Amino acid sequence: MRIGRLGKTHGVHGELNLDGVSLTPLELHAVKRFTWRRPGQPERTLTLATARPAVPRLLVRFEGVEQREQAAELVNGELWAPPAALPDPGPGTAYTFQLVGLRVETADGRVQI
């Protein structure tokens, strides 16, 4: 499952903006390990070191990425994680990917397309 896109670097200590993410910093820490993908580049496994809010996005840093130059290599890449690695969203709640393709039916039994 796509977690989000790494945007521009932030500061000089290897932090990056994480855009388009719906997980909280605590949920990201629960996942911990991510696959980084960018077209034309080999995949990399990244281990989350820190995540913190910076409205409207999050700032993240990964183990072994401690300088701005190292972080710049990850810009415009996407973070992915297997759905099984995501924390349970809680009762009555679902991730969007869990809803895609489901049959929708009204209370009176009519199928919605």
N, C-alpha and C. Protein backbone atom coordinates (compact mmCIF):
# COMPACT_ATOMS: atom_id res chain seq x y z
N MET A 1 0.85 -1.17 0.00
CA MET A 1 0.00 0.00 0.00
C MET A 1 0.89 1.24 0.00
N ARG A 2 0.50 2.22 -0.82
CA ARG A 2 1.25 3.47 -0.87
C ARG A 2 0.94 4.27 0.39
N ILE A 3 1.99 4.69 1.09
CA ILE A 3 1.85 5.46 2.32
C ILE A 3 1.86 6.95 2.04
N GLY A 4 2.75 7.40 1.16
CA GLY A 4 2.86 8.81 0.84
C GLY A 4 4.06 9.07 -0.04
N ARG A 5 4.24 10.34 -0.41
CA ARG A 5 5.35 10.76 -1.28
C ARG A 5 6.30 11.64 -0.48
N LEU A 6 7.58 11.38 -0.62
CA LEU A 6 8.59 12.19 0.04
C LEU A 6 8.82 13.46 -0.76
N GLY A 7 8.59 14.59 -0.13
CA GLY A 7 8.79 15.88 -0.77
C GLY A 7 10.16 16.43 -0.45
N LYS A 8 10.25 17.73 -0.44
CA LYS A 8 11.54 18.39 -0.27
C LYS A 8 12.14 18.13 1.12
N THR A 9 13.44 18.34 1.19
CA THR A 9 14.14 18.18 2.46
C THR A 9 13.76 19.32 3.40
N HIS A 10 13.98 19.09 4.68
CA HIS A 10 13.67 20.09 5.70
C HIS A 10 14.86 20.17 6.65
N GLY A 11 15.51 21.30 6.69
CA GLY A 11 16.66 21.46 7.59
C GLY A 11 17.89 20.75 7.07
N VAL A 12 18.86 20.58 7.97
CA VAL A 12 20.15 20.01 7.56
C VAL A 12 20.42 18.63 8.17
N HIS A 13 19.44 18.07 8.89
CA HIS A 13 19.66 16.81 9.60
C HIS A 13 18.93 15.62 9.00
N GLY A 14 18.58 15.69 7.70
CA GLY A 14 18.03 14.54 7.01
C GLY A 14 16.53 14.38 7.05
N GLU A 15 15.81 15.40 7.51
CA GLU A 15 14.35 15.29 7.52
C GLU A 15 13.78 15.59 6.14
N LEU A 16 12.63 14.97 5.87
CA LEU A 16 11.92 15.17 4.61
C LEU A 16 10.44 15.39 4.90
N ASN A 17 9.79 16.15 4.01
CA ASN A 17 8.34 16.28 4.07
C ASN A 17 7.73 14.99 3.55
N LEU A 18 6.70 14.50 4.22
CA LEU A 18 5.95 13.35 3.74
C LEU A 18 4.55 13.84 3.40
N ASP A 19 4.24 13.84 2.12
CA ASP A 19 2.97 14.38 1.62
C ASP A 19 1.99 13.26 1.32
N GLY A 20 0.70 13.57 1.45
CA GLY A 20 -0.35 12.64 1.07
C GLY A 20 -0.49 11.45 1.99
N VAL A 21 -0.04 11.57 3.20
CA VAL A 21 -0.11 10.46 4.15
C VAL A 21 -1.34 10.62 5.04
N SER A 22 -2.02 9.51 5.31
CA SER A 22 -3.19 9.56 6.20
C SER A 22 -2.88 8.93 7.56
N LEU A 23 -1.68 8.43 7.74
CA LEU A 23 -1.29 7.84 9.02
C LEU A 23 -0.71 8.91 9.94
N THR A 24 -0.86 8.71 11.23
CA THR A 24 -0.28 9.60 12.23
C THR A 24 1.18 9.22 12.45
N PRO A 25 1.95 10.09 13.11
CA PRO A 25 3.33 9.71 13.44
C PRO A 25 3.41 8.40 14.24
N LEU A 26 2.51 8.21 15.18
CA LEU A 26 2.52 6.96 15.96
C LEU A 26 2.23 5.75 15.09
N GLU A 27 1.31 5.88 14.14
CA GLU A 27 1.01 4.77 13.23
C GLU A 27 2.19 4.47 12.32
N LEU A 28 2.89 5.51 11.87
CA LEU A 28 4.09 5.30 11.06
C LEU A 28 5.16 4.55 11.85
N HIS A 29 5.30 4.90 13.14
CA HIS A 29 6.28 4.20 13.98
C HIS A 29 5.89 2.75 14.18
N ALA A 30 4.60 2.45 14.19
CA ALA A 30 4.15 1.07 14.32
C ALA A 30 4.53 0.25 13.08
N VAL A 31 4.49 0.87 11.92
CA VAL A 31 4.89 0.19 10.69
C VAL A 31 6.41 0.03 10.65
N LYS A 32 7.13 1.10 10.92
CA LYS A 32 8.59 1.18 11.09
C LYS A 32 9.41 0.99 9.81
N ARG A 33 9.16 -0.07 9.04
CA ARG A 33 9.97 -0.35 7.84
C ARG A 33 9.14 -0.13 6.58
N PHE A 34 9.74 0.58 5.63
CA PHE A 34 9.05 0.96 4.41
C PHE A 34 9.90 0.61 3.20
N THR A 35 9.24 0.45 2.07
CA THR A 35 9.94 0.29 0.80
C THR A 35 9.85 1.64 0.08
N TRP A 36 11.01 2.15 -0.33
CA TRP A 36 11.08 3.41 -1.07
C TRP A 36 11.15 3.07 -2.55
N ARG A 37 10.31 3.74 -3.34
CA ARG A 37 10.28 3.50 -4.78
C ARG A 37 10.27 4.83 -5.53
N ARG A 38 11.07 4.87 -6.59
CA ARG A 38 11.05 6.00 -7.53
C ARG A 38 11.41 5.43 -8.90
N PRO A 39 10.63 5.78 -9.95
CA PRO A 39 10.91 5.24 -11.28
C PRO A 39 12.37 5.45 -11.68
N GLY A 40 12.95 4.40 -12.23
CA GLY A 40 14.33 4.46 -12.71
C GLY A 40 15.37 4.23 -11.63
N GLN A 41 14.93 4.00 -10.40
CA GLN A 41 15.86 3.78 -9.28
C GLN A 41 15.58 2.42 -8.64
N PRO A 42 16.59 1.78 -8.08
CA PRO A 42 16.33 0.52 -7.37
C PRO A 42 15.57 0.79 -6.06
N GLU A 43 14.70 -0.13 -5.69
CA GLU A 43 13.97 -0.01 -4.43
C GLU A 43 14.95 -0.03 -3.26
N ARG A 44 14.56 0.64 -2.19
CA ARG A 44 15.36 0.65 -0.96
C ARG A 44 14.45 0.37 0.21
N THR A 45 14.97 -0.29 1.22
CA THR A 45 14.24 -0.47 2.46
C THR A 45 14.68 0.64 3.41
N LEU A 46 13.73 1.37 3.96
CA LEU A 46 14.01 2.45 4.90
C LEU A 46 13.36 2.15 6.24
N THR A 47 14.10 2.43 7.31
CA THR A 47 13.59 2.25 8.66
C THR A 47 13.37 3.63 9.27
N LEU A 48 12.17 3.87 9.72
CA LEU A 48 11.80 5.17 10.27
C LEU A 48 12.55 5.44 11.57
N ALA A 49 13.16 6.61 11.67
CA ALA A 49 13.82 7.05 12.90
C ALA A 49 12.91 8.00 13.67
N THR A 50 12.34 9.00 12.96
CA THR A 50 11.44 9.95 13.61
C THR A 50 10.34 10.36 12.65
N ALA A 51 9.22 10.76 13.22
CA ALA A 51 8.10 11.32 12.45
C ALA A 51 7.42 12.33 13.37
N ARG A 52 7.13 13.50 12.80
CA ARG A 52 6.47 14.53 13.59
C ARG A 52 5.57 15.38 12.71
N PRO A 53 4.51 15.93 13.30
CA PRO A 53 3.59 16.75 12.49
C PRO A 53 4.21 18.08 12.10
N ALA A 54 3.88 18.52 10.90
CA ALA A 54 4.25 19.84 10.38
C ALA A 54 3.13 20.20 9.41
N VAL A 55 2.03 20.63 9.94
CA VAL A 55 0.79 20.83 9.19
C VAL A 55 1.05 21.57 7.89
N PRO A 56 0.56 21.09 6.76
CA PRO A 56 -0.42 20.02 6.54
C PRO A 56 0.21 18.67 6.24
N ARG A 57 1.45 18.45 6.55
CA ARG A 57 2.14 17.20 6.24
C ARG A 57 2.88 16.72 7.47
N LEU A 58 3.68 15.70 7.29
CA LEU A 58 4.55 15.21 8.37
C LEU A 58 6.00 15.38 7.96
N LEU A 59 6.86 15.48 8.94
CA LEU A 59 8.30 15.45 8.70
C LEU A 59 8.81 14.10 9.19
N VAL A 60 9.61 13.44 8.36
CA VAL A 60 10.15 12.13 8.71
C VAL A 60 11.65 12.12 8.51
N ARG A 61 12.29 11.23 9.23
CA ARG A 61 13.73 10.98 9.05
C ARG A 61 13.93 9.48 9.18
N PHE A 62 14.88 8.95 8.44
CA PHE A 62 15.13 7.51 8.42
C PHE A 62 16.51 7.20 8.98
N GLU A 63 16.64 6.01 9.53
CA GLU A 63 17.93 5.56 10.06
C GLU A 63 18.97 5.59 8.94
N GLY A 64 20.14 6.11 9.25
CA GLY A 64 21.22 6.20 8.27
C GLY A 64 21.14 7.41 7.35
N VAL A 65 20.07 8.20 7.48
CA VAL A 65 19.90 9.41 6.67
C VAL A 65 19.95 10.58 7.65
N GLU A 66 21.15 11.14 7.81
CA GLU A 66 21.34 12.15 8.85
C GLU A 66 21.80 13.50 8.31
N GLN A 67 21.94 13.60 7.00
CA GLN A 67 22.37 14.86 6.39
C GLN A 67 21.43 15.22 5.25
N ARG A 68 21.33 16.50 4.98
CA ARG A 68 20.45 17.00 3.92
C ARG A 68 20.75 16.34 2.57
N GLU A 69 22.02 16.13 2.26
CA GLU A 69 22.41 15.54 0.98
C GLU A 69 21.90 14.12 0.86
N GLN A 70 21.95 13.36 1.94
CA GLN A 70 21.44 11.99 1.92
C GLN A 70 19.92 11.99 1.73
N ALA A 71 19.23 12.91 2.40
CA ALA A 71 17.78 13.01 2.30
C ALA A 71 17.37 13.42 0.88
N ALA A 72 18.17 14.29 0.25
CA ALA A 72 17.84 14.77 -1.09
C ALA A 72 17.76 13.62 -2.10
N GLU A 73 18.49 12.54 -1.86
CA GLU A 73 18.44 11.37 -2.74
C GLU A 73 17.08 10.68 -2.71
N LEU A 74 16.29 10.93 -1.67
CA LEU A 74 15.00 10.27 -1.51
C LEU A 74 13.82 11.12 -2.00
N VAL A 75 14.07 12.39 -2.32
CA VAL A 75 13.00 13.30 -2.74
C VAL A 75 12.27 12.76 -3.96
N ASN A 76 10.96 12.91 -3.96
CA ASN A 76 10.04 12.46 -5.02
C ASN A 76 9.89 10.95 -5.09
N GLY A 77 10.39 10.25 -4.09
CA GLY A 77 10.14 8.81 -4.01
C GLY A 77 8.87 8.57 -3.21
N GLU A 78 8.31 7.38 -3.34
CA GLU A 78 7.11 7.01 -2.59
C GLU A 78 7.46 5.98 -1.54
N LEU A 79 6.76 6.05 -0.42
CA LEU A 79 6.90 5.04 0.63
C LEU A 79 5.76 4.05 0.50
N TRP A 80 6.10 2.77 0.57
CA TRP A 80 5.13 1.69 0.49
C TRP A 80 5.31 0.77 1.68
N ALA A 81 4.22 0.13 2.09
CA ALA A 81 4.25 -0.87 3.15
C ALA A 81 3.20 -1.92 2.85
N PRO A 82 3.46 -3.17 3.25
CA PRO A 82 2.43 -4.19 3.03
C PRO A 82 1.21 -3.89 3.90
N PRO A 83 0.00 -4.09 3.38
CA PRO A 83 -1.20 -3.81 4.17
C PRO A 83 -1.20 -4.49 5.53
N ALA A 84 -0.64 -5.67 5.63
CA ALA A 84 -0.63 -6.40 6.90
C ALA A 84 0.22 -5.69 7.96
N ALA A 85 1.13 -4.81 7.54
CA ALA A 85 1.99 -4.10 8.49
C ALA A 85 1.30 -2.90 9.12
N LEU A 86 0.17 -2.47 8.55
CA LEU A 86 -0.52 -1.29 9.07
C LEU A 86 -1.25 -1.62 10.36
N PRO A 87 -1.29 -0.65 11.28
CA PRO A 87 -2.03 -0.89 12.51
C PRO A 87 -3.53 -0.98 12.24
N ASP A 88 -4.24 -1.70 13.08
CA ASP A 88 -5.69 -1.82 12.96
C ASP A 88 -6.30 -0.43 13.08
N PRO A 89 -7.12 0.00 12.10
CA PRO A 89 -7.68 1.35 12.16
C PRO A 89 -8.73 1.54 13.25
N GLY A 90 -9.16 0.47 13.88
CA GLY A 90 -10.13 0.59 14.97
C GLY A 90 -11.53 0.20 14.53
N PRO A 91 -12.42 0.03 15.50
CA PRO A 91 -13.78 -0.40 15.19
C PRO A 91 -14.54 0.63 14.35
N GLY A 92 -15.24 0.15 13.34
CA GLY A 92 -16.04 1.03 12.50
C GLY A 92 -15.23 1.90 11.56
N THR A 93 -13.95 1.63 11.42
CA THR A 93 -13.07 2.43 10.58
C THR A 93 -12.31 1.50 9.63
N ALA A 94 -12.00 2.00 8.43
CA ALA A 94 -11.25 1.21 7.46
C ALA A 94 -10.31 2.11 6.69
N TYR A 95 -9.25 1.52 6.17
CA TYR A 95 -8.37 2.24 5.25
C TYR A 95 -9.05 2.28 3.89
N THR A 96 -8.77 3.28 3.09
CA THR A 96 -9.38 3.43 1.77
C THR A 96 -9.14 2.19 0.92
N PHE A 97 -7.92 1.64 0.93
CA PHE A 97 -7.62 0.48 0.10
C PHE A 97 -8.49 -0.71 0.46
N GLN A 98 -9.00 -0.76 1.70
CA GLN A 98 -9.86 -1.86 2.11
C GLN A 98 -11.27 -1.73 1.53
N LEU A 99 -11.64 -0.55 1.09
CA LEU A 99 -12.98 -0.29 0.56
C LEU A 99 -13.07 -0.41 -0.95
N VAL A 100 -11.96 -0.23 -1.63
CA VAL A 100 -11.96 -0.26 -3.09
C VAL A 100 -12.40 -1.64 -3.57
N GLY A 101 -13.40 -1.63 -4.46
CA GLY A 101 -13.89 -2.87 -5.04
C GLY A 101 -15.00 -3.55 -4.27
N LEU A 102 -15.36 -3.02 -3.10
CA LEU A 102 -16.45 -3.62 -2.32
C LEU A 102 -17.80 -3.33 -2.97
N ARG A 103 -18.72 -4.24 -2.79
CA ARG A 103 -20.08 -4.08 -3.27
C ARG A 103 -20.81 -3.17 -2.29
N VAL A 104 -21.51 -2.17 -2.82
CA VAL A 104 -22.27 -1.24 -1.99
C VAL A 104 -23.75 -1.51 -2.21
N GLU A 105 -24.45 -1.69 -1.11
CA GLU A 105 -25.87 -2.03 -1.17
C GLU A 105 -26.64 -1.14 -0.20
N THR A 106 -27.80 -0.63 -0.65
CA THR A 106 -28.62 0.19 0.23
C THR A 106 -29.34 -0.68 1.24
N ALA A 107 -29.96 -0.07 2.22
CA ALA A 107 -30.67 -0.80 3.26
C ALA A 107 -31.80 -1.65 2.69
N ASP A 108 -32.37 -1.23 1.56
CA ASP A 108 -33.46 -2.01 0.95
C ASP A 108 -32.95 -3.01 -0.09
N GLY A 109 -31.65 -3.21 -0.18
CA GLY A 109 -31.08 -4.27 -1.02
C GLY A 109 -30.69 -3.86 -2.43
N ARG A 110 -30.81 -2.58 -2.78
CA ARG A 110 -30.40 -2.16 -4.13
C ARG A 110 -28.89 -2.00 -4.18
N VAL A 111 -28.29 -2.52 -5.25
CA VAL A 111 -26.84 -2.44 -5.45
C VAL A 111 -26.51 -1.09 -6.06
N GLN A 112 -25.53 -0.42 -5.49
CA GLN A 112 -25.07 0.88 -5.98
C GLN A 112 -23.78 0.68 -6.78
N ILE A 113 -23.72 1.34 -7.91
CA ILE A 113 -22.53 1.20 -8.76
C ILE A 113 -21.72 2.48 -8.71
